[in-house]
Amino acid sequence: MSFVRFAVRRVAEMAATLLTASFVVFGAMYLAPGNPASFLLAGRSASPEALASINAQYHLDDPFLVRYFRWLGDVLQGDFGRSITYRTDVSRLLADRLPTTLLLIVMSLVVVVAVGLLLGRIAAVRGGATDSAVLVTTTFAVGTPSFVAAVLLQGLFAVNLGWFPSSGAGDGGLGDMLWHLTLPSVALALYLIGMLARVTRSAMLEALDSDHVTVARSRGVPERQVVRRHVFRNSLGTVLTTGGLIVSTLLVCTILVETAFSIGGIGQLLELSTTTKDFPTVQAISLIIVALFMAVNLVVDLLLPLVDPRVTLGTRSAAV
C-alpha cells in the first residue's frame, strides 16, 4: 500500500469515527437528566409563553434526529450554539480559553518528552544503581495523581518558597503566562514522565539484546554510536506509539490541574459547564477533545513507518 493511499484511508476512517463520536456526544447530552429550560428557570414557575420561548430557542420540542442534524450542520460551520451559563456563543468561549489550555499541554508535553526519554535512556544504558534509582523515582511519579502533585507543588514552590504563582494563567504576555503555567505543567507531566521513562527503558533494553546490536559491537563500532544508531533509534517506534496515550491523558488531566490552579482554560470550563448543565458547551468541548485525540493518533500512524522501517503501513505490530 502506498503512503498516500494509506493516509487517505486513515483520514476517511478518522472522519467516520468523528461522525460516530458526534452522535454519541449529542445522544449522551440528550439522555442526561435536566434540560436548558429547567436550568434557566432555576426552579421558578414560568408562564406558558416564557416556557414556549425557551423551547423554541433551544429547539427542545423537535425530534432527536432533527435536533442532532441541525446541531451537526451548525458545528460544521463553526457554530457550537449559545452557552446557557455565560449567555454568549460557545465558539467565543472556546476561542478565549483554548490557547491557554493548548499552551499548558505543549509545555507539559515538552517536559514529558525531554525528561522521560532522558531518564529511560540513562536507566537502560547505565544499569545497576542508576537503573534502580530511576525505577524508584518513576514508581513515585506514576503513583502520584495529578491533583496530588498540584497540591504538593503549590505548597512547596508557591506558598513556602514563593518562586511561582499559586493560581491563574497570567495576563502579562507570553513570558508571564509561561511563568504562571510552570507549576501546572509539571503537575500535569509528572505521571507521564514516569510512564514514558519506563517504556523507553524497556524498549532500549530489548534493543540492546538484539542480534544486530551484537553484530555492531563485534565489528568494533563505538558503544555510544551503537546506542545512538542501533538502540535508541529502534526504540523510538515503541515510544512514539505511546504518543496518542500521552496526549489523551494530558487532555483529560487538564480538568483537574486547571481547577486546582484556577486556570481559565478548557478543562476548567468543562468542569463548570458539567456542573451547571450547560449542554452546548459540554458538547463542544467533548467533541474537540475527541477530535484532538484522533488527530494525534493519525499523526502517530503516519510517522511510525517513517521512524521504524520494520513497521508496514496499516499496522503497529512491529513497534508494540
Protein backbone atom coordinates (compact mmCIF):
# COMPACT_ATOMS: atom_id res chain seq x y z
CA MET A 1 0.00 0.00 0.00
CA SER A 2 1.38 3.42 -0.94
CA PHE A 3 1.81 6.09 1.72
CA VAL A 4 -0.67 8.45 0.03
CA ARG A 5 -3.34 5.75 -0.20
CA PHE A 6 -2.75 4.81 3.43
CA ALA A 7 -3.01 8.48 4.52
CA VAL A 8 -6.27 8.98 2.59
CA ARG A 9 -7.73 5.82 4.12
CA ARG A 10 -6.77 6.89 7.65
CA VAL A 11 -8.27 10.38 7.16
CA ALA A 12 -11.52 8.79 5.90
CA GLU A 13 -11.59 6.45 8.91
CA MET A 14 -10.99 9.41 11.22
CA ALA A 15 -13.88 11.35 9.64
CA ALA A 16 -16.24 8.36 10.03
CA THR A 17 -15.19 7.82 13.64
CA LEU A 18 -15.58 11.51 14.43
CA LEU A 19 -19.10 11.46 12.95
CA THR A 20 -19.98 8.50 15.16
CA ALA A 21 -18.45 10.27 18.17
CA SER A 22 -20.55 13.37 17.47
CA PHE A 23 -23.71 11.23 17.55
CA VAL A 24 -22.65 9.63 20.84
CA VAL A 25 -21.77 13.01 22.41
CA PHE A 26 -25.07 14.59 21.36
CA GLY A 27 -27.03 11.49 22.41
CA ALA A 28 -25.38 11.45 25.84
CA MET A 29 -26.38 15.07 26.45
CA TYR A 30 -29.91 14.30 25.15
CA LEU A 31 -30.30 11.45 27.64
CA ALA A 32 -28.76 13.33 30.58
CA PRO A 33 -31.24 14.41 33.28
CA GLY A 34 -32.41 18.01 33.13
CA ASN A 35 -32.62 20.40 30.19
CA PRO A 36 -31.82 24.04 29.39
CA ALA A 37 -35.32 25.13 30.39
CA SER A 38 -35.03 23.70 33.92
CA PHE A 39 -31.62 25.38 34.40
CA LEU A 40 -32.75 28.78 33.12
CA LEU A 41 -35.87 28.72 35.26
CA ALA A 42 -33.88 27.52 38.33
CA GLY A 43 -36.96 26.05 39.98
CA ARG A 44 -39.11 29.13 39.35
CA SER A 45 -42.51 28.86 37.75
CA ALA A 46 -42.85 30.27 34.27
CA SER A 47 -45.70 31.31 32.07
CA PRO A 48 -46.58 29.03 29.13
CA GLU A 49 -45.35 31.78 26.79
CA ALA A 50 -41.96 32.01 28.51
CA LEU A 51 -41.55 28.22 28.51
CA ALA A 52 -42.51 28.07 24.83
CA SER A 53 -39.92 30.78 24.06
CA ILE A 54 -37.14 28.78 25.76
CA ASN A 55 -38.17 25.58 23.99
CA ALA A 56 -38.19 27.38 20.65
CA GLN A 57 -34.75 28.97 21.28
CA TYR A 58 -33.12 25.60 22.01
CA HIS A 59 -35.43 23.54 19.72
CA LEU A 60 -36.43 21.36 22.67
CA ASP A 61 -39.72 20.29 21.08
CA ASP A 62 -38.08 18.90 17.94
CA PRO A 63 -37.44 15.13 17.50
CA PHE A 64 -34.00 13.87 18.46
CA LEU A 65 -32.68 13.31 14.92
CA VAL A 66 -33.87 16.73 13.78
CA ARG A 67 -32.02 18.37 16.67
CA TYR A 68 -28.91 16.27 16.05
CA PHE A 69 -28.61 17.06 12.34
CA ARG A 70 -29.31 20.76 12.97
CA TRP A 71 -26.58 20.82 15.64
CA LEU A 72 -24.17 18.87 13.37
CA GLY A 73 -24.80 21.25 10.48
CA ASP A 74 -24.08 24.27 12.70
CA VAL A 75 -20.91 22.62 14.07
CA LEU A 76 -19.59 22.02 10.54
CA GLN A 77 -19.94 25.79 10.01
CA GLY A 78 -18.10 26.57 13.26
CA ASP A 79 -21.24 27.36 15.26
CA PHE A 80 -21.39 25.37 18.53
CA GLY A 81 -24.52 27.11 19.79
CA ARG A 82 -25.07 29.53 22.67
CA SER A 83 -23.89 28.89 26.22
CA ILE A 84 -26.70 28.60 28.73
CA THR A 85 -24.50 29.67 31.63
CA TYR A 86 -22.49 32.51 30.08
CA ARG A 87 -25.24 33.67 27.65
CA THR A 88 -22.73 34.01 24.81
CA ASP A 89 -21.59 32.00 21.80
CA VAL A 90 -19.74 28.80 22.71
CA SER A 91 -17.28 29.46 19.87
CA ARG A 92 -16.30 32.72 21.57
CA LEU A 93 -15.80 30.96 24.91
CA LEU A 94 -13.58 28.36 23.26
CA ALA A 95 -11.56 30.99 21.39
CA ASP A 96 -10.86 32.80 24.69
CA ARG A 97 -9.82 29.70 26.64
CA LEU A 98 -8.39 27.22 24.15
CA PRO A 99 -4.99 28.99 23.70
CA THR A 100 -4.30 28.76 27.45
CA THR A 101 -5.06 25.03 27.53
CA LEU A 102 -3.02 24.33 24.39
CA LEU A 103 -0.03 26.24 25.83
CA LEU A 104 -0.32 24.24 29.06
CA ILE A 105 -0.44 20.95 27.13
CA VAL A 106 2.53 21.89 24.92
CA MET A 107 4.61 22.87 27.97
CA SER A 108 3.73 19.60 29.69
CA LEU A 109 4.46 17.59 26.55
CA VAL A 110 7.93 19.18 26.23
CA VAL A 111 8.70 18.29 29.86
CA VAL A 112 7.39 14.72 29.43
CA VAL A 113 9.39 14.03 26.27
CA ALA A 114 12.64 15.66 27.47
CA VAL A 115 12.72 14.17 30.97
CA GLY A 116 11.01 10.85 30.18
CA LEU A 117 13.31 9.95 27.28
CA LEU A 118 16.41 11.07 29.22
CA LEU A 119 15.56 9.00 32.33
CA GLY A 120 14.65 5.92 30.27
CA ARG A 121 17.85 6.12 28.24
CA ILE A 122 20.09 6.62 31.29
CA ALA A 123 18.45 3.69 33.13
CA ALA A 124 18.83 1.30 30.18
CA VAL A 125 22.41 2.24 29.27
CA ARG A 126 23.99 2.57 32.73
CA GLY A 127 22.03 -0.11 34.62
CA GLY A 128 22.98 -1.03 38.20
CA ALA A 129 22.33 1.58 40.90
CA THR A 130 21.34 4.22 38.33
CA ASP A 131 18.67 1.91 36.90
CA SER A 132 17.34 1.19 40.40
CA ALA A 133 17.22 4.90 41.26
CA VAL A 134 15.30 5.66 38.06
CA LEU A 135 12.86 2.81 38.73
CA VAL A 136 12.17 4.11 42.26
CA THR A 137 11.74 7.68 41.01
CA THR A 138 9.41 6.70 38.18
CA THR A 139 7.39 4.46 40.50
CA PHE A 140 6.79 7.50 42.73
CA ALA A 141 5.90 9.60 39.68
CA VAL A 142 3.45 7.05 38.25
CA GLY A 143 1.81 6.62 41.67
CA THR A 144 1.21 10.35 42.16
CA PRO A 145 -2.11 11.59 40.70
CA SER A 146 -2.09 14.99 39.00
CA PHE A 147 -4.26 16.69 41.62
CA VAL A 148 -1.98 15.42 44.44
CA ALA A 149 1.07 16.68 42.54
CA ALA A 150 -0.67 20.04 42.08
CA VAL A 151 -1.26 20.41 45.83
CA LEU A 152 2.34 19.39 46.68
CA LEU A 153 3.87 21.78 44.15
CA GLN A 154 1.64 24.65 45.26
CA GLY A 155 2.57 24.14 48.91
CA LEU A 156 6.33 23.88 48.30
CA PHE A 157 7.14 26.24 45.41
CA ALA A 158 4.28 28.76 45.64
CA VAL A 159 3.38 29.06 49.33
CA ASN A 160 6.65 28.22 51.15
CA LEU A 161 9.32 29.33 48.67
CA GLY A 162 7.27 31.88 46.71
CA TRP A 163 9.04 31.10 43.45
CA PHE A 164 5.90 30.70 41.33
CA PRO A 165 2.29 31.96 41.46
CA SER A 166 -0.18 29.62 43.15
CA SER A 167 -3.06 30.29 40.72
CA GLY A 168 -4.10 31.91 37.46
CA ALA A 169 -2.68 31.82 33.95
CA GLY A 170 -1.16 35.31 33.93
CA ASP A 171 -2.17 38.26 31.80
CA GLY A 172 1.15 39.99 31.09
CA GLY A 173 2.07 38.39 27.80
CA LEU A 174 3.74 35.11 26.84
CA GLY A 175 6.53 35.37 29.46
CA ASP A 176 4.03 35.94 32.28
CA MET A 177 1.90 33.02 31.06
CA LEU A 178 4.92 30.70 30.91
CA TRP A 179 5.81 31.68 34.50
CA HIS A 180 2.25 31.07 35.76
CA LEU A 181 1.92 27.75 33.92
CA THR A 182 5.25 26.26 35.05
CA LEU A 183 3.90 24.51 38.17
CA PRO A 184 0.67 23.32 36.45
CA SER A 185 2.66 21.87 33.54
CA VAL A 186 4.97 19.97 35.92
CA ALA A 187 1.96 18.67 37.89
CA LEU A 188 0.38 17.56 34.63
CA ALA A 189 3.58 15.93 33.34
CA LEU A 190 4.75 14.06 36.46
CA TYR A 191 2.73 10.87 35.93
CA LEU A 192 3.53 10.72 32.21
CA ILE A 193 7.27 11.25 32.81
CA GLY A 194 7.30 8.04 34.85
CA MET A 195 5.30 6.16 32.23
CA LEU A 196 7.42 7.31 29.26
CA ALA A 197 10.69 6.64 31.11
CA ARG A 198 9.62 3.05 31.80
CA VAL A 199 8.50 2.49 28.19
CA THR A 200 11.78 3.92 26.87
CA ARG A 201 13.83 1.82 29.29
CA SER A 202 12.05 -1.43 28.32
CA ALA A 203 12.31 -0.72 24.58
CA MET A 204 16.03 0.08 24.81
CA LEU A 205 16.80 -2.99 26.95
CA GLU A 206 15.06 -5.14 24.32
CA ALA A 207 17.05 -3.46 21.55
CA LEU A 208 20.32 -3.92 23.47
CA ASP A 209 19.77 -7.71 23.42
CA SER A 210 19.01 -7.84 19.68
CA ASP A 211 21.28 -9.59 17.16
CA HIS A 212 22.13 -6.52 15.11
CA VAL A 213 23.48 -4.76 18.22
CA THR A 214 25.69 -7.80 18.96
CA VAL A 215 26.94 -7.73 15.37
CA ALA A 216 27.65 -3.99 15.56
CA ARG A 217 29.67 -4.45 18.74
CA SER A 218 31.61 -7.38 17.26
CA ARG A 219 32.62 -5.13 14.35
CA GLY A 220 34.13 -2.64 16.78
CA VAL A 221 31.51 0.09 16.46
CA PRO A 222 31.93 2.50 19.42
CA GLU A 223 29.39 1.93 22.20
CA ARG A 224 28.00 5.49 22.04
CA GLN A 225 27.35 5.05 18.32
CA VAL A 226 25.71 1.67 18.91
CA VAL A 227 23.36 3.20 21.49
CA ARG A 228 22.51 6.21 19.31
CA ARG A 229 22.07 4.48 15.94
CA HIS A 230 21.02 0.92 16.75
CA VAL A 231 19.36 1.06 20.16
CA PHE A 232 17.75 4.45 20.78
CA ARG A 233 16.58 4.87 17.17
CA ASN A 234 15.00 1.39 17.04
CA SER A 235 13.19 2.01 20.34
CA LEU A 236 11.57 5.24 19.08
CA GLY A 237 8.81 3.26 17.35
CA THR A 238 7.58 1.88 20.66
CA VAL A 239 7.94 5.29 22.32
CA LEU A 240 6.04 7.02 19.51
CA THR A 241 3.19 4.51 19.83
CA THR A 242 2.56 5.83 23.34
CA GLY A 243 2.24 9.39 21.97
CA GLY A 244 -1.51 9.11 21.49
CA LEU A 245 -2.00 7.84 25.03
CA ILE A 246 0.20 10.62 26.44
CA VAL A 247 -1.69 13.43 24.69
CA SER A 248 -5.11 11.99 25.56
CA THR A 249 -4.06 11.72 29.21
CA LEU A 250 -2.88 15.34 29.13
CA LEU A 251 -6.24 16.44 27.69
CA VAL A 252 -8.22 14.64 30.39
CA CYS A 253 -5.98 15.64 33.30
CA THR A 254 -6.14 19.34 32.40
CA ILE A 255 -9.59 19.34 34.01
CA LEU A 256 -8.04 18.53 37.41
CA VAL A 257 -4.96 20.73 37.08
CA GLU A 258 -6.77 23.79 35.71
CA THR A 259 -9.30 23.53 38.52
CA ALA A 260 -6.56 23.14 41.16
CA PHE A 261 -4.64 26.20 39.88
CA SER A 262 -7.74 28.25 38.93
CA ILE A 263 -6.63 28.47 35.31
CA GLY A 264 -9.33 29.70 32.93
CA GLY A 265 -8.84 27.05 30.26
CA ILE A 266 -10.95 24.44 28.52
CA GLY A 267 -10.61 21.93 31.37
CA GLN A 268 -11.98 24.33 33.99
CA LEU A 269 -14.73 25.41 31.56
CA LEU A 270 -15.76 21.76 31.05
CA GLU A 271 -15.89 21.17 34.81
CA LEU A 272 -18.06 24.27 35.39
CA SER A 273 -20.30 23.56 32.38
CA THR A 274 -20.92 19.99 33.51
CA THR A 275 -21.91 21.21 36.99
CA THR A 276 -24.34 23.78 35.60
CA LYS A 277 -25.70 21.50 32.84
CA ASP A 278 -24.52 23.86 30.11
CA PHE A 279 -25.17 21.27 27.39
CA PRO A 280 -23.98 23.23 24.30
CA THR A 281 -20.61 23.97 25.93
CA VAL A 282 -20.14 20.38 27.18
CA GLN A 283 -20.98 19.02 23.72
CA ALA A 284 -18.50 21.35 22.02
CA ILE A 285 -15.60 20.62 24.41
CA SER A 286 -16.23 16.86 24.33
CA LEU A 287 -16.19 16.86 20.53
CA ILE A 288 -12.99 18.93 20.43
CA ILE A 289 -11.24 16.54 22.85
CA VAL A 290 -12.27 13.54 20.73
CA ALA A 291 -11.08 15.30 17.54
CA LEU A 292 -7.70 16.18 19.09
CA PHE A 293 -7.23 12.62 20.30
CA MET A 294 -7.98 11.23 16.82
CA ALA A 295 -5.69 13.79 15.17
CA VAL A 296 -2.80 12.76 17.42
CA ASN A 297 -3.34 9.08 16.63
CA LEU A 298 -3.45 9.89 12.93
CA VAL A 299 -0.11 11.70 13.15
CA VAL A 300 1.37 8.75 15.08
CA ASP A 301 0.16 6.28 12.44
CA LEU A 302 1.67 8.38 9.65
CA LEU A 303 5.01 8.94 11.40
CA LEU A 304 5.51 5.38 12.67
CA PRO A 305 6.57 3.79 9.33
CA LEU A 306 9.00 6.69 8.80
CA VAL A 307 10.61 6.26 12.24
CA ASP A 308 10.65 2.46 12.36
CA PRO A 309 11.28 0.73 8.98
CA ARG A 310 10.11 -2.60 10.47
CA VAL A 311 6.54 -1.26 10.60
CA THR A 312 4.46 -1.75 7.48
CA LEU A 313 1.70 0.69 6.57
CA GLY A 314 -1.55 -0.07 8.35
CA THR A 315 -0.10 -1.95 11.32
CA ARG A 316 1.80 -1.14 14.51
CA SER A 317 2.65 -4.74 15.31
CA ALA A 318 6.40 -4.39 14.92
CA ALA A 319 6.61 -1.48 17.29
CA VAL A 320 4.37 -2.66 20.09
